[in-house]
């Protein structure tokens, strides 16, 4: 196999979560001072918290995909 057939599925999933996490984090930072918006969640900025969680998950997925590519290249396959 060659080309895109060898692409690890973790890479596009990781990029998707990085993108969504970045959007959610930026929204959470922009709306950080809106206390009425976060009153139902006991004042916790849910958008900011989950944005950071999604960015972390995206980084893990992307890192695992890149690690698999470097291992595959080292093995020569």
Protein backbone atom coordinates (compact mmCIF):
# COMPACT_ATOMS: atom_id res chain seq x y z
CA UNK A 1 0.00 0.00 0.00
CA UNK A 2 1.09 3.54 -0.61
CA UNK A 3 -0.13 7.09 -0.37
CA UNK A 4 -3.34 7.84 1.47
CA UNK A 5 -4.08 4.17 2.11
CA UNK A 6 -1.41 4.26 4.83
CA UNK A 7 -2.79 7.38 6.51
CA UNK A 8 -3.63 6.85 10.14
CA UNK A 9 -7.24 7.64 11.00
CA UNK A 10 -6.09 9.29 14.23
CA UNK A 11 -4.56 12.18 12.30
CA UNK A 12 -7.72 13.69 10.73
CA UNK A 13 -9.70 12.95 13.90
CA UNK A 14 -7.04 14.74 15.94
CA UNK A 15 -7.12 17.73 13.60
CA UNK A 16 -10.91 17.86 13.82
CA UNK A 17 -10.84 17.89 17.62
CA UNK A 18 -8.09 20.52 17.59
CA UNK A 19 -10.20 22.74 15.36
CA UNK A 20 -13.40 22.29 17.37
CA UNK A 21 -11.55 22.72 20.65
CA UNK A 22 -9.93 25.93 19.44
CA UNK A 23 -13.29 27.36 18.36
CA UNK A 24 -14.90 26.43 21.67
CA UNK A 25 -11.98 27.79 23.70
CA UNK A 26 -12.01 31.10 21.86
CA UNK A 27 -15.78 31.36 22.42
CA UNK A 28 -15.28 30.59 26.10
CA UNK A 29 -12.62 33.27 26.44
CA UNK A 30 -14.72 35.87 24.62
CA UNK A 31 -17.81 35.17 26.76
CA UNK A 32 -15.89 34.77 30.02
CA UNK A 33 -17.39 37.88 31.65
CA UNK A 34 -21.03 36.96 30.91
CA UNK A 35 -22.25 35.74 34.30
CA UNK A 36 -25.86 35.33 33.16
CA UNK A 37 -24.79 32.91 30.44
CA UNK A 38 -22.99 30.62 32.87
CA UNK A 39 -25.49 30.87 35.74
CA UNK A 40 -27.15 27.50 34.90
CA UNK A 41 -23.76 25.77 35.16
CA UNK A 42 -23.01 27.17 38.64
CA UNK A 43 -20.84 29.91 37.16
CA UNK A 44 -18.43 27.49 35.48
CA UNK A 45 -17.34 28.47 31.98
CA UNK A 46 -18.24 25.15 30.36
CA UNK A 47 -17.18 26.31 26.89
CA UNK A 48 -13.68 27.12 28.06
CA UNK A 49 -13.29 23.92 30.06
CA UNK A 50 -14.48 21.61 27.30
CA UNK A 51 -12.55 23.54 24.67
CA UNK A 52 -9.33 22.85 26.55
CA UNK A 53 -10.32 19.18 26.97
CA UNK A 54 -10.97 18.87 23.22
CA UNK A 55 -7.64 20.51 22.41
CA UNK A 56 -5.87 18.06 24.73
CA UNK A 57 -7.60 15.08 23.12
CA UNK A 58 -6.79 16.40 19.65
CA UNK A 59 -3.14 16.78 20.59
CA UNK A 60 -3.02 13.22 21.93
CA UNK A 61 -4.62 11.78 18.78
CA UNK A 62 -2.37 13.79 16.46
CA UNK A 63 0.70 12.88 18.49
CA UNK A 64 -0.13 9.17 18.36
CA UNK A 65 -0.62 9.35 14.60
CA UNK A 66 2.68 11.13 14.08
CA UNK A 67 4.45 8.64 16.35
CA UNK A 68 3.07 5.77 14.29
CA UNK A 69 4.33 7.39 11.08
CA UNK A 70 7.84 7.85 12.47
CA UNK A 71 7.91 4.26 13.74
CA UNK A 72 6.78 3.00 10.34
CA UNK A 73 9.50 5.02 8.61
CA UNK A 74 12.16 3.72 11.00
CA UNK A 75 11.12 0.13 10.31
CA UNK A 76 11.33 0.78 6.57
CA UNK A 77 7.80 -0.30 5.63
